[in-house]
């Protein structure tokens, strides 16, 4: 009988762990969606600078990504205009 109770407790702990991992994954996907272009651009600027090349194009793309992320964050999305949001 003690084994069945211990097994249920382990199952509950594993389920809680899976839920937490899933929530972290969803949050990471959301952050990457919002800031992915900016992060890629900043890494490109760093790589170009370390290679001794001009990083102006990568810097421009990074700045554009940051501006797009700010625009997306400032949008007021409600139920009546949700389908028009990009």
PDB file of N, CA and C in Angstrom:
ATOM      1  N   UNK A   1       0.824  -1.197   0.000  1.00  0.00           N
ATOM      2  CA  UNK A   1       0.000   0.000   0.000  1.00  0.00           C
ATOM      3  C   UNK A   1       0.864   1.256   0.000  1.00  0.00           C
ATOM      4  N   UNK A   2       1.967   1.203   0.721  1.00  0.00           N
ATOM      5  CA  UNK A   2       2.846   2.363   0.791  1.00  0.00           C
ATOM      6  C   UNK A   2       3.444   2.674  -0.577  1.00  0.00           C
ATOM      7  N   UNK A   3       3.687   1.676  -1.382  1.00  0.00           N
ATOM      8  CA  UNK A   3       4.257   1.870  -2.710  1.00  0.00           C
ATOM      9  C   UNK A   3       3.285   2.605  -3.621  1.00  0.00           C
ATOM     10  N   UNK A   4       1.999   2.307  -3.555  1.00  0.00           N
ATOM     11  CA  UNK A   4       0.995   2.969  -4.392  1.00  0.00           C
ATOM     12  C   UNK A   4       0.897   4.455  -4.053  1.00  0.00           C
ATOM     13  N   UNK A   5       0.948   4.786  -2.786  1.00  0.00           N
ATOM     14  CA  UNK A   5       0.883   6.189  -2.368  1.00  0.00           C
ATOM     15  C   UNK A   5       2.135   6.920  -2.833  1.00  0.00           C
ATOM     16  N   UNK A   6       3.279   6.302  -2.643  1.00  0.00           N
ATOM     17  CA  UNK A   6       4.547   6.910  -3.076  1.00  0.00           C
ATOM     18  C   UNK A   6       4.542   7.124  -4.592  1.00  0.00           C
ATOM     19  N   UNK A   7       3.984   6.178  -5.320  1.00  0.00           N
ATOM     20  CA  UNK A   7       3.920   6.283  -6.786  1.00  0.00           C
ATOM     21  C   UNK A   7       3.030   7.450  -7.204  1.00  0.00           C
ATOM     22  N   UNK A   8       1.902   7.641  -6.525  1.00  0.00           N
ATOM     23  CA  UNK A   8       1.011   8.757  -6.851  1.00  0.00           C
ATOM     24  C   UNK A   8       1.676  10.098  -6.570  1.00  0.00           C
ATOM     25  N   UNK A   9       2.412  10.183  -5.486  1.00  0.00           N
ATOM     26  CA  UNK A   9       3.108  11.430  -5.146  1.00  0.00           C
ATOM     27  C   UNK A   9       4.176  11.736  -6.186  1.00  0.00           C
ATOM     28  N   UNK A  10       4.911  10.726  -6.606  1.00  0.00           N
ATOM     29  CA  UNK A  10       5.916  10.929  -7.655  1.00  0.00           C
ATOM     30  C   UNK A  10       5.246  11.373  -8.955  1.00  0.00           C
ATOM     31  N   UNK A  11       4.103  10.783  -9.277  1.00  0.00           N
ATOM     32  CA  UNK A  11       3.373  11.172 -10.484  1.00  0.00           C
ATOM     33  C   UNK A  11       2.903  12.612 -10.422  1.00  0.00           C
ATOM     34  N   UNK A  12       2.442  13.041  -9.255  1.00  0.00           N
ATOM     35  CA  UNK A  12       2.004  14.418  -9.101  1.00  0.00           C
ATOM     36  C   UNK A  12       3.184  15.369  -9.257  1.00  0.00           C
ATOM     37  N   UNK A  13       4.310  15.042  -8.673  1.00  0.00           N
ATOM     38  CA  UNK A  13       5.504  15.877  -8.792  1.00  0.00           C
ATOM     39  C   UNK A  13       5.959  15.989 -10.242  1.00  0.00           C
ATOM     40  N   UNK A  14       5.920  14.881 -10.973  1.00  0.00           N
ATOM     41  CA  UNK A  14       6.319  14.894 -12.378  1.00  0.00           C
ATOM     42  C   UNK A  14       5.348  15.743 -13.200  1.00  0.00           C
ATOM     43  N   UNK A  15       4.060  15.648 -12.907  1.00  0.00           N
ATOM     44  CA  UNK A  15       3.071  16.451 -13.626  1.00  0.00           C
ATOM     45  C   UNK A  15       3.295  17.935 -13.376  1.00  0.00           C
ATOM     46  N   UNK A  16       3.561  18.307 -12.148  1.00  0.00           N
ATOM     47  CA  UNK A  16       3.832  19.710 -11.834  1.00  0.00           C
ATOM     48  C   UNK A  16       5.084  20.191 -12.564  1.00  0.00           C
ATOM     49  N   UNK A  17       6.100  19.357 -12.599  1.00  0.00           N
ATOM     50  CA  UNK A  17       7.334  19.700 -13.292  1.00  0.00           C
ATOM     51  C   UNK A  17       7.077  19.919 -14.788  1.00  0.00           C
ATOM     52  N   UNK A  18       6.289  19.050 -15.403  1.00  0.00           N
ATOM     53  CA  UNK A  18       5.974  19.181 -16.837  1.00  0.00           C
ATOM     54  C   UNK A  18       5.204  20.462 -17.100  1.00  0.00           C
ATOM     55  N   UNK A  19       4.269  20.817 -16.222  1.00  0.00           N
ATOM     56  CA  UNK A  19       3.503  22.058 -16.394  1.00  0.00           C
ATOM     57  C   UNK A  19       4.419  23.268 -16.308  1.00  0.00           C
ATOM     58  N   UNK A  20       5.333  23.277 -15.360  1.00  0.00           N
ATOM     59  CA  UNK A  20       6.267  24.401 -15.220  1.00  0.00           C
ATOM     60  C   UNK A  20       7.154  24.515 -16.446  1.00  0.00           C
ATOM     61  N   UNK A  21       7.674  23.399 -16.936  1.00  0.00           N
ATOM     62  CA  UNK A  21       8.521  23.414 -18.136  1.00  0.00           C
ATOM     63  C   UNK A  21       7.735  23.923 -19.339  1.00  0.00           C
ATOM     64  N   UNK A  22       6.482  23.511 -19.468  1.00  0.00           N
ATOM     65  CA  UNK A  22       5.649  23.973 -20.580  1.00  0.00           C
ATOM     66  C   UNK A  22       5.406  25.477 -20.499  1.00  0.00           C
ATOM     67  N   UNK A  23       5.155  26.010 -19.314  1.00  0.00           N
ATOM     68  CA  UNK A  23       4.955  27.452 -19.154  1.00  0.00           C
ATOM     69  C   UNK A  23       6.219  28.232 -19.496  1.00  0.00           C
ATOM     70  N   UNK A  24       7.365  27.713 -19.088  1.00  0.00           N
ATOM     71  CA  UNK A  24       8.626  28.371 -19.433  1.00  0.00           C
ATOM     72  C   UNK A  24       8.847  28.346 -20.941  1.00  0.00           C
ATOM     73  N   UNK A  25       8.519  27.243 -21.583  1.00  0.00           N
ATOM     74  CA  UNK A  25       8.675  27.142 -23.039  1.00  0.00           C
ATOM     75  C   UNK A  25       7.771  28.140 -23.755  1.00  0.00           C
ATOM     76  N   UNK A  26       6.533  28.274 -23.310  1.00  0.00           N
ATOM     77  CA  UNK A  26       5.610  29.231 -23.927  1.00  0.00           C
ATOM     78  C   UNK A  26       6.128  30.658 -23.744  1.00  0.00           C
ATOM     79  N   UNK A  27       6.632  30.971 -22.558  1.00  0.00           N
ATOM     80  CA  UNK A  27       7.180  32.302 -22.310  1.00  0.00           C
ATOM     81  C   UNK A  27       8.402  32.561 -23.189  1.00  0.00           C
ATOM     82  N   UNK A  28       9.260  31.560 -23.337  1.00  0.00           N
ATOM     83  CA  UNK A  28      10.454  31.723 -24.173  1.00  0.00           C
ATOM     84  C   UNK A  28      10.073  31.939 -25.631  1.00  0.00           C
ATOM     85  N   UNK A  29       9.070  31.237 -26.114  1.00  0.00           N
ATOM     86  CA  UNK A  29       8.604  31.429 -27.487  1.00  0.00           C
ATOM     87  C   UNK A  29       8.056  32.837 -27.665  1.00  0.00           C
ATOM     88  N   UNK A  30       7.321  33.318 -26.689  1.00  0.00           N
ATOM     89  CA  UNK A  30       6.791  34.680 -26.757  1.00  0.00           C
ATOM     90  C   UNK A  30       7.880  35.732 -26.775  1.00  0.00           C
ATOM     91  N   UNK A  31       8.878  35.558 -25.944  1.00  0.00           N
ATOM     92  CA  UNK A  31       9.996  36.512 -25.916  1.00  0.00           C
ATOM     93  C   UNK A  31      10.765  36.464 -27.225  1.00  0.00           C
ATOM     94  N   UNK A  32      11.004  35.269 -27.741  1.00  0.00           N
ATOM     95  CA  UNK A  32      11.735  35.145 -29.002  1.00  0.00           C
ATOM     96  C   UNK A  32      10.943  35.757 -30.150  1.00  0.00           C
ATOM     97  N   UNK A  33       9.634  35.584 -30.134  1.00  0.00           N
ATOM     98  CA  UNK A  33       8.801  36.179 -31.174  1.00  0.00           C
ATOM     99  C   UNK A  33       8.870  37.697 -31.130  1.00  0.00           C
ATOM    100  N   UNK A  34       8.847  38.254 -29.934  1.00  0.00           N
ATOM    101  CA  UNK A  34       8.863  39.708 -29.797  1.00  0.00           C
ATOM    102  C   UNK A  34      10.235  40.308 -30.059  1.00  0.00           C
ATOM    103  N   UNK A  35      11.288  39.641 -29.604  1.00  0.00           N
ATOM    104  CA  UNK A  35      12.623  40.236 -29.653  1.00  0.00           C
ATOM    105  C   UNK A  35      13.623  39.454 -30.488  1.00  0.00           C
ATOM    106  N   UNK A  36      13.190  38.436 -31.212  1.00  0.00           N
ATOM    107  CA  UNK A  36      14.105  37.586 -31.958  1.00  0.00           C
ATOM    108  C   UNK A  36      14.912  38.329 -33.001  1.00  0.00           C
ATOM    109  N   UNK A  37      14.249  39.195 -33.746  1.00  0.00           N
ATOM    110  CA  UNK A  37      14.951  39.935 -34.795  1.00  0.00           C
ATOM    111  C   UNK A  37      15.999  40.870 -34.184  1.00  0.00           C
ATOM    112  N   UNK A  38      15.670  41.479 -33.074  1.00  0.00           N
ATOM    113  CA  UNK A  38      16.612  42.377 -32.402  1.00  0.00           C
ATOM    114  C   UNK A  38      17.828  41.611 -31.901  1.00  0.00           C
ATOM    115  N   UNK A  39      17.607  40.470 -31.274  1.00  0.00           N
ATOM    116  CA  UNK A  39      18.718  39.680 -30.744  1.00  0.00           C
ATOM    117  C   UNK A  39      19.603  39.172 -31.874  1.00  0.00           C
ATOM    118  N   UNK A  40      18.997  38.674 -32.959  1.00  0.00           N
ATOM    119  CA  UNK A  40      19.790  38.221 -34.109  1.00  0.00           C
ATOM    120  C   UNK A  40      20.616  39.364 -34.677  1.00  0.00           C
ATOM    121  N   UNK A  41      20.019  40.553 -34.760  1.00  0.00           N
ATOM    122  CA  UNK A  41      20.733  41.708 -35.284  1.00  0.00           C
ATOM    123  C   UNK A  41      21.900  42.107 -34.400  1.00  0.00           C
ATOM    124  N   UNK A  42      21.697  42.084 -33.092  1.00  0.00           N
ATOM    125  CA  UNK A  42      22.771  42.445 -32.174  1.00  0.00           C
ATOM    126  C   UNK A  42      23.904  41.435 -32.222  1.00  0.00           C
ATOM    127  N   UNK A  43      23.568  40.164 -32.362  1.00  0.00           N
ATOM    128  CA  UNK A  43      24.616  39.149 -32.482  1.00  0.00           C
ATOM    129  C   UNK A  43      25.376  39.315 -33.798  1.00  0.00           C
ATOM    130  N   UNK A  44      24.667  39.704 -34.853  1.00  0.00           N
ATOM    131  CA  UNK A  44      25.334  39.944 -36.137  1.00  0.00           C
ATOM    132  C   UNK A  44      26.278  41.134 -36.045  1.00  0.00           C
ATOM    133  N   UNK A  45      25.858  42.189 -35.355  1.00  0.00           N
ATOM    134  CA  UNK A  45      26.722  43.354 -35.156  1.00  0.00           C
ATOM    135  C   UNK A  45      27.980  42.939 -34.396  1.00  0.00           C
ATOM    136  N   UNK A  46      27.815  42.152 -33.350  1.00  0.00           N
ATOM    137  CA  UNK A  46      28.955  41.700 -32.565  1.00  0.00           C
ATOM    138  C   UNK A  46      29.900  40.854 -33.412  1.00  0.00           C
ATOM    139  N   UNK A  47      29.342  39.926 -34.182  1.00  0.00           N
ATOM    140  CA  UNK A  47      30.172  39.058 -35.016  1.00  0.00           C
ATOM    141  C   UNK A  47      30.913  39.854 -36.082  1.00  0.00           C
ATOM    142  N   UNK A  48      30.228  40.797 -36.713  1.00  0.00           N
ATOM    143  CA  UNK A  48      30.875  41.617 -37.743  1.00  0.00           C
ATOM    144  C   UNK A  48      31.988  42.472 -37.139  1.00  0.00           C
ATOM    145  N   UNK A  49      31.743  43.032 -35.979  1.00  0.00           N
ATOM    146  CA  UNK A  49      32.756  43.863 -35.325  1.00  0.00           C
ATOM    147  C   UNK A  49      33.970  43.046 -34.924  1.00  0.00           C
ATOM    148  N   UNK A  50      33.737  41.855 -34.403  1.00  0.00           N
ATOM    149  CA  UNK A  50      34.857  40.997 -34.017  1.00  0.00           C
ATOM    150  C   UNK A  50      35.669  40.551 -35.229  1.00  0.00           C
ATOM    151  N   UNK A  51      35.002  40.421 -36.369  1.00  0.00           N
ATOM    152  CA  UNK A  51      35.692  40.015 -37.595  1.00  0.00           C
ATOM    153  C   UNK A  51      36.409  41.193 -38.253  1.00  0.00           C
ATOM    154  N   UNK A  52      36.199  42.399 -37.736  1.00  0.00           N
ATOM    155  CA  UNK A  52      36.859  43.572 -38.285  1.00  0.00           C
ATOM    156  C   UNK A  52      36.167  44.136 -39.510  1.00  0.00           C
ATOM    157  N   UNK A  53      34.915  43.773 -39.712  1.00  0.00           N
ATOM    158  CA  UNK A  53      34.156  44.254 -40.865  1.00  0.00           C
ATOM    159  C   UNK A  53      33.169  45.325 -40.430  1.00  0.00           C
ATOM    160  N   UNK A  54      32.609  46.012 -41.401  1.00  0.00           N
ATOM    161  CA  UNK A  54      31.599  47.027 -41.118  1.00  0.00           C
ATOM    162  C   UNK A  54      30.308  46.356 -40.664  1.00  0.00           C
ATOM    163  N   UNK A  55      29.718  46.873 -39.617  1.00  0.00           N
ATOM    164  CA  UNK A  55      28.500  46.287 -39.061  1.00  0.00           C
ATOM    165  C   UNK A  55      27.310  47.216 -39.228  1.00  0.00           C
ATOM    166  N   UNK A  56      27.390  48.160 -40.153  1.00  0.00           N
ATOM    167  CA  UNK A  56      26.324  49.148 -40.273  1.00  0.00           C
ATOM    168  C   UNK A  56      25.004  48.524 -40.723  1.00  0.00           C
ATOM    169  N   UNK A  57      25.041  47.585 -41.668  1.00  0.00           N
ATOM    170  CA  UNK A  57      23.797  46.962 -42.130  1.00  0.00           C
ATOM    171  C   UNK A  57      23.159  46.134 -41.009  1.00  0.00           C
ATOM    172  N   UNK A  58      23.975  45.351 -40.303  1.00  0.00           N
ATOM    173  CA  UNK A  58      23.450  44.547 -39.199  1.00  0.00           C
ATOM    174  C   UNK A  58      22.909  45.439 -38.094  1.00  0.00           C
ATOM    175  N   UNK A  59      23.569  46.572 -37.840  1.00  0.00           N
ATOM    176  CA  UNK A  59      23.107  47.509 -36.814  1.00  0.00           C
ATOM    177  C   UNK A  59      21.760  48.099 -37.210  1.00  0.00           C
ATOM    178  N   UNK A  60      21.602  48.444 -38.490  1.00  0.00           N
ATOM    179  CA  UNK A  60      20.329  48.985 -38.976  1.00  0.00           C
ATOM    180  C   UNK A  60      19.217  47.963 -38.813  1.00  0.00           C
ATOM    181  N   UNK A  61      19.479  46.696 -39.167  1.00  0.00           N
ATOM    182  CA  UNK A  61      18.476  45.644 -39.018  1.00  0.00           C
ATOM    183  C   UNK A  61      18.112  45.437 -37.549  1.00  0.00           C
ATOM    184  N   UNK A  62      19.099  45.514 -36.679  1.00  0.00           N
ATOM    185  CA  UNK A  62      18.841  45.371 -35.252  1.00  0.00           C
ATOM    186  C   UNK A  62      17.968  46.508 -34.738  1.00  0.00           C
ATOM    187  N   UNK A  63      18.273  47.721 -35.158  1.00  0.00           N
ATOM    188  CA  UNK A  63      17.464  48.874 -34.743  1.00  0.00           C
ATOM    189  C   UNK A  63      16.048  48.768 -35.277  1.00  0.00           C
ATOM    190  N   UNK A  64      15.893  48.309 -36.521  1.00  0.00           N
ATOM    191  CA  UNK A  64      14.555  48.124 -37.089  1.00  0.00           C
ATOM    192  C   UNK A  64      13.768  47.079 -36.302  1.00  0.00           C
ATOM    193  N   UNK A  65      14.448  46.011 -35.900  1.00  0.00           N
ATOM    194  CA  UNK A  65      13.791  44.980 -35.096  1.00  0.00           C
ATOM    195  C   UNK A  65      13.339  45.513 -33.754  1.00  0.00           C
ATOM    196  N   UNK A  66      14.171  46.367 -33.138  1.00  0.00           N
ATOM    197  CA  UNK A  66      13.793  46.961 -31.859  1.00  0.00           C
ATOM    198  C   UNK A  66      12.601  47.883 -31.995  1.00  0.00           C
ATOM    199  N   UNK A  67      12.578  48.649 -33.075  1.00  0.00           N
ATOM    200  CA  UNK A  67      11.444  49.550 -33.325  1.00  0.00           C
ATOM    201  C   UNK A  67      10.166  48.747 -33.548  1.00  0.00           C
ATOM    202  N   UNK A  68      10.270  47.662 -34.310  1.00  0.00           N
ATOM    203  CA  UNK A  68       9.098  46.810 -34.560  1.00  0.00           C
ATOM    204  C   UNK A  68       8.584  46.189 -33.261  1.00  0.00           C
ATOM    205  N   UNK A  69       9.496  45.782 -32.387  1.00  0.00           N
ATOM    206  CA  UNK A  69       9.084  45.204 -31.107  1.00  0.00           C
ATOM    207  C   UNK A  69       8.384  46.242 -30.233  1.00  0.00           C
ATOM    208  N   UNK A  70       8.881  47.474 -30.242  1.00  0.00           N
ATOM    209  CA  UNK A  70       8.223  48.537 -29.478  1.00  0.00           C
ATOM    210  C   UNK A  70       6.841  48.834 -30.030  1.00  0.00           C
ATOM    211  N   UNK A  71       6.714  48.878 -31.350  1.00  0.00           N
ATOM    212  CA  UNK A  71       5.404  49.113 -31.962  1.00  0.00           C
ATOM    213  C   UNK A  71       4.417  48.018 -31.586  1.00  0.00           C
ATOM    214  N   UNK A  72       4.884  46.782 -31.632  1.00  0.00           N
ATOM    215  CA  UNK A  72       4.009  45.658 -31.307  1.00  0.00           C
ATOM    216  C   UNK A  72       3.591  45.711 -29.833  1.00  0.00           C
ATOM    217  N   UNK A  73       4.505  46.091 -28.967  1.00  0.00           N
ATOM    218  CA  UNK A  73       4.191  46.148 -27.537  1.00  0.00           C
ATOM    219  C   UNK A  73       3.224  47.281 -27.203  1.00  0.00           C
ATOM    220  N   UNK A  74       3.230  48.344 -27.986  1.00  0.00           N
ATOM    221  CA  UNK A  74       2.374  49.488 -27.683  1.00  0.00           C
ATOM    222  C   UNK A  74       0.978  49.370 -28.277  1.00  0.00           C
ATOM    223  N   UNK A  75       0.716  48.353 -29.067  1.00  0.00           N
ATOM    224  CA  UNK A  75      -0.612  48.188 -29.664  1.00  0.00           C
ATOM    225  C   UNK A  75      -1.634  47.826 -28.597  1.00  0.00           C
ATOM    226  N   UNK A  76      -2.804  48.383 -28.764  1.00  0.00           N
ATOM    227  CA  UNK A  76      -3.921  48.051 -27.890  1.00  0.00           C
ATOM    228  C   UNK A  76      -4.744  46.965 -28.574  1.00  0.00           C
ATOM    229  N   UNK A  77      -4.584  45.737 -28.157  1.00  0.00           N
ATOM    230  CA  UNK A  77      -5.298  44.621 -28.764  1.00  0.00           C
ATOM    231  C   UNK A  77      -6.429  44.213 -27.830  1.00  0.00           C
ATOM    232  N   UNK A  78      -7.630  44.304 -28.355  1.00  0.00           N
ATOM    233  CA  UNK A  78      -8.828  43.934 -27.608  1.00  0.00           C
ATOM    234  C   UNK A  78      -9.571  42.875 -28.419  1.00  0.00           C
ATOM    235  N   UNK A  79     -10.659  42.392 -27.886  1.00  0.00           N
ATOM    236  CA  UNK A  79     -11.419  41.366 -28.590  1.00  0.00           C
ATOM    237  C   UNK A  79     -12.015  41.889 -29.896  1.00  0.00           C
ATOM    238  N   UNK A  80     -12.369  43.189 -29.945  1.00  0.00           N
ATOM    239  CA  UNK A  80     -12.991  43.706 -31.163  1.00  0.00           C
ATOM    240  C   UNK A  80     -12.001  43.958 -32.298  1.00  0.00           C
ATOM    241  N   UNK A  81     -10.693  44.074 -32.003  1.00  0.00           N
ATOM    242  CA  UNK A  81      -9.723  44.282 -33.072  1.00  0.00           C
ATOM    243  C   UNK A  81      -8.624  43.224 -33.090  1.00  0.00           C
ATOM    244  N   UNK A  82      -8.850  42.111 -32.421  1.00  0.00           N
ATOM    245  CA  UNK A  82      -7.816  41.071 -32.326  1.00  0.00           C
ATOM    246  C   UNK A  82      -7.432  40.508 -33.685  1.00  0.00           C
ATOM    247  N   UNK A  83      -8.412  40.316 -34.564  1.00  0.00           N
ATOM    248  CA  UNK A  83      -8.105  39.715 -35.868  1.00  0.00           C
ATOM    249  C   UNK A  83      -7.363  40.681 -36.799  1.00  0.00           C
ATOM    250  N   UNK A  84      -7.320  41.958 -36.504  1.00  0.00           N
ATOM    251  CA  UNK A  84      -6.575  42.916 -37.326  1.00  0.00           C
ATOM    252  C   UNK A  84      -5.142  43.099 -36.851  1.00  0.00           C
ATOM    253  N   UNK A  85      -4.819  42.589 -35.664  1.00  0.00           N
ATOM    254  CA  UNK A  85      -3.462  42.758 -35.125  1.00  0.00           C
ATOM    255  C   UNK A  85      -2.497  41.852 -35.871  1.00  0.00           C
ATOM    256  N   UNK A  86      -1.316  42.365 -36.131  1.00  0.00           N
ATOM    257  CA  UNK A  86      -0.308  41.570 -36.851  1.00  0.00           C
ATOM    258  C   UNK A  86       0.790  41.219 -35.919  1.00  0.00           C
TER     259      UNK A  86
END
